[in-house]
N, C-alpha and C. Protein backbone atom coordinates (compact mmCIF):
# COMPACT_ATOMS: atom_id res chain seq x y z
N UNK A 1 -5.43 32.18 -32.12
CA UNK A 1 -4.28 31.96 -31.22
C UNK A 1 -3.18 31.76 -32.02
N UNK A 2 -2.11 32.22 -32.04
CA UNK A 2 -0.64 31.77 -32.54
C UNK A 2 0.03 30.87 -32.08
N UNK A 3 0.64 29.93 -32.25
CA UNK A 3 1.55 28.86 -31.64
C UNK A 3 2.75 29.31 -32.03
N UNK A 4 3.65 29.05 -30.87
CA UNK A 4 5.10 29.62 -31.64
C UNK A 4 5.78 27.87 -32.06
N UNK A 5 6.84 28.01 -32.54
CA UNK A 5 7.73 26.47 -33.00
C UNK A 5 7.66 25.81 -32.07
N UNK A 6 8.22 25.93 -30.63
CA UNK A 6 8.48 25.05 -29.71
C UNK A 6 6.87 24.53 -29.18
N UNK A 7 5.82 25.32 -28.89
CA UNK A 7 4.35 24.67 -28.94
C UNK A 7 3.91 24.06 -29.56
N UNK A 8 4.12 24.08 -30.93
CA UNK A 8 3.76 23.33 -32.18
C UNK A 8 4.50 21.60 -31.84
N UNK A 9 5.52 21.87 -31.39
CA UNK A 9 6.50 20.43 -31.36
C UNK A 9 6.59 19.87 -30.31
N UNK A 10 5.93 20.35 -29.52
CA UNK A 10 5.97 19.57 -28.15
C UNK A 10 5.06 18.57 -27.92
N UNK A 11 5.60 17.35 -27.46
CA UNK A 11 5.00 16.04 -27.71
C UNK A 11 4.12 16.01 -26.31
N UNK A 12 3.07 15.91 -26.58
CA UNK A 12 2.04 15.61 -24.96
C UNK A 12 1.41 13.84 -24.76
N UNK A 13 1.99 13.52 -23.64
CA UNK A 13 1.37 12.40 -23.76
C UNK A 13 -0.16 12.38 -22.80
N UNK A 14 -1.13 11.46 -23.16
CA UNK A 14 -2.09 11.21 -22.47
C UNK A 14 -2.52 9.93 -22.05
N UNK A 15 -2.37 9.70 -20.62
CA UNK A 15 -2.30 8.43 -19.98
C UNK A 15 -4.00 8.37 -19.36
N UNK A 16 -4.55 9.19 -19.53
CA UNK A 16 -5.96 9.00 -19.36
C UNK A 16 -7.14 8.30 -19.88
N UNK A 17 -6.98 7.64 -20.79
CA UNK A 17 -7.58 6.43 -21.68
C UNK A 17 -7.17 4.96 -21.44
N UNK A 18 -5.87 4.86 -20.77
CA UNK A 18 -5.35 3.53 -20.51
C UNK A 18 -6.76 2.56 -19.60
N UNK A 19 -6.62 1.25 -19.70
CA UNK A 19 -7.49 0.83 -19.09
C UNK A 19 -7.13 0.25 -17.81
N UNK A 20 -7.79 0.26 -16.97
CA UNK A 20 -7.67 -0.36 -15.45
C UNK A 20 -6.80 -2.11 -15.38
N UNK A 21 -6.22 -1.78 -14.94
CA UNK A 21 -5.40 -3.22 -15.12
C UNK A 21 -5.38 -3.61 -13.89
N UNK A 22 -5.75 -3.39 -12.82
CA UNK A 22 -5.97 -4.07 -11.33
C UNK A 22 -6.76 -3.33 -10.50
N UNK A 23 -7.56 -4.07 -9.69
CA UNK A 23 -8.51 -3.47 -8.76
C UNK A 23 -7.55 -2.91 -7.47
N UNK A 24 -7.56 -1.66 -7.10
CA UNK A 24 -6.71 -1.32 -5.95
C UNK A 24 -7.43 -1.55 -4.81
N UNK A 25 -6.35 -2.51 -4.05
CA UNK A 25 -6.56 -3.30 -2.59
C UNK A 25 -6.93 -1.98 -1.27
N UNK A 26 -7.53 -2.22 -0.48
CA UNK A 26 -7.98 -1.21 0.35
C UNK A 26 -6.92 -1.47 1.17
N UNK A 27 -5.93 -0.61 1.39
CA UNK A 27 -4.52 -0.52 2.07
C UNK A 27 -4.51 -0.47 3.28
N UNK A 28 -5.76 0.38 4.14
CA UNK A 28 -5.66 0.22 5.63
C UNK A 28 -5.97 -0.74 5.98
N UNK A 29 -6.70 -1.56 5.62
CA UNK A 29 -7.29 -2.97 5.73
C UNK A 29 -6.00 -4.04 6.00
N UNK A 30 -5.08 -3.93 4.71
CA UNK A 30 -3.90 -4.78 4.77
C UNK A 30 -3.18 -4.29 5.92
N UNK A 31 -2.96 -3.01 6.16
CA UNK A 31 -2.08 -2.45 7.24
C UNK A 31 -2.59 -2.97 8.85
N UNK A 32 -3.80 -2.88 8.96
CA UNK A 32 -4.90 -3.33 10.32
C UNK A 32 -4.49 -4.70 10.40
N UNK A 33 -4.41 -5.58 9.40
CA UNK A 33 -4.68 -7.14 9.32
C UNK A 33 -3.12 -7.70 9.80
N UNK A 34 -2.10 -7.00 9.32
CA UNK A 34 -0.48 -6.89 9.47
C UNK A 34 -0.14 -6.89 11.00
N UNK A 35 -0.85 -5.51 11.35
CA UNK A 35 -0.56 -5.07 12.81
C UNK A 35 -1.29 -6.24 13.87
N UNK A 36 -2.70 -6.69 13.58
CA UNK A 36 -3.10 -7.61 14.25
C UNK A 36 -2.19 -9.11 14.57
N UNK A 37 -1.78 -9.46 13.44
CA UNK A 37 -0.87 -10.26 13.22
C UNK A 37 0.22 -10.34 14.10
N UNK A 38 0.98 -8.89 13.99
CA UNK A 38 2.07 -8.71 14.61
C UNK A 38 1.93 -8.92 16.13
N UNK A 39 0.31 -8.12 16.57
CA UNK A 39 0.49 -8.19 17.98
C UNK A 39 -0.06 -9.74 18.63
N UNK A 40 -0.53 -10.33 17.72
CA UNK A 40 -1.07 -11.96 18.03
C UNK A 40 -2.33 -11.65 18.63
N UNK A 41 -3.04 -10.74 18.42
CA UNK A 41 -4.65 -9.98 18.87
C UNK A 41 -5.60 -11.24 19.01
N UNK A 42 -5.11 -12.10 18.30
CA UNK A 42 -6.26 -13.27 18.40
C UNK A 42 -6.33 -14.46 19.34
N UNK A 43 -4.89 -14.29 19.74
CA UNK A 43 -4.49 -15.38 20.87
C UNK A 43 -4.51 -14.78 22.33
N UNK A 44 -4.77 -15.82 23.18
CA UNK A 44 -4.57 -15.51 24.67
C UNK A 44 -3.21 -15.18 24.93
N UNK A 45 -2.56 -14.54 26.66
CA UNK A 45 -1.53 -14.33 26.61
C UNK A 45 -0.82 -15.86 26.73
N UNK A 46 -1.18 -17.04 27.01
CA UNK A 46 -0.48 -18.09 27.06
C UNK A 46 -0.62 -18.78 25.83
N UNK A 47 -1.23 -18.86 24.89
CA UNK A 47 -1.07 -19.23 23.37
C UNK A 47 -0.10 -18.33 22.42
N UNK A 48 0.15 -17.20 22.63
CA UNK A 48 1.24 -16.63 21.98
C UNK A 48 2.54 -17.11 21.52
N UNK A 49 2.84 -16.94 20.48
CA UNK A 49 4.20 -17.57 19.76
C UNK A 49 5.43 -16.40 20.44
N UNK A 50 6.49 -16.80 20.59
CA UNK A 50 7.82 -15.99 21.01
C UNK A 50 8.25 -15.17 19.86
N UNK A 51 7.63 -14.22 18.69
CA UNK A 51 7.99 -14.12 17.90
C UNK A 51 6.85 -12.15 17.98
N UNK A 52 7.74 -11.51 17.00
CA UNK A 52 7.21 -10.04 16.88
C UNK A 52 7.15 -9.41 18.28
N UNK A 53 6.18 -8.57 18.71
CA UNK A 53 6.55 -7.82 20.04
C UNK A 53 6.52 -8.67 20.76
N UNK A 54 5.75 -9.77 20.90
CA UNK A 54 5.65 -10.60 22.27
C UNK A 54 7.34 -11.03 22.66
N UNK A 55 7.93 -11.26 21.46
CA UNK A 55 9.55 -11.61 21.94
C UNK A 55 10.21 -10.69 22.50
N UNK A 56 10.05 -9.31 21.94
CA UNK A 56 10.33 -8.10 22.54
C UNK A 56 10.26 -8.05 24.23
N UNK A 57 8.63 -8.18 24.05
CA UNK A 57 8.39 -8.19 25.75
C UNK A 57 9.02 -9.31 26.70
N UNK A 58 9.12 -10.26 26.09
CA UNK A 58 9.62 -11.50 26.96
C UNK A 58 10.98 -11.46 27.09
N UNK A 59 11.61 -10.46 26.35
CA UNK A 59 13.67 -10.65 26.40
C UNK A 59 13.72 -10.15 27.66
């Protein structure tokens, strides 16, 4: 197959061989932990600080 002049000069980068830089975190777990902290899910109603959603409900 004959290539045109443009096809011969086309520069292609192949990033498929780069090593892994870091492990990708499990993003769903990060979101769930953040949401539980926002709701203050681990505290009873009397122990919750007035911040986040609790502050909105008490205002």
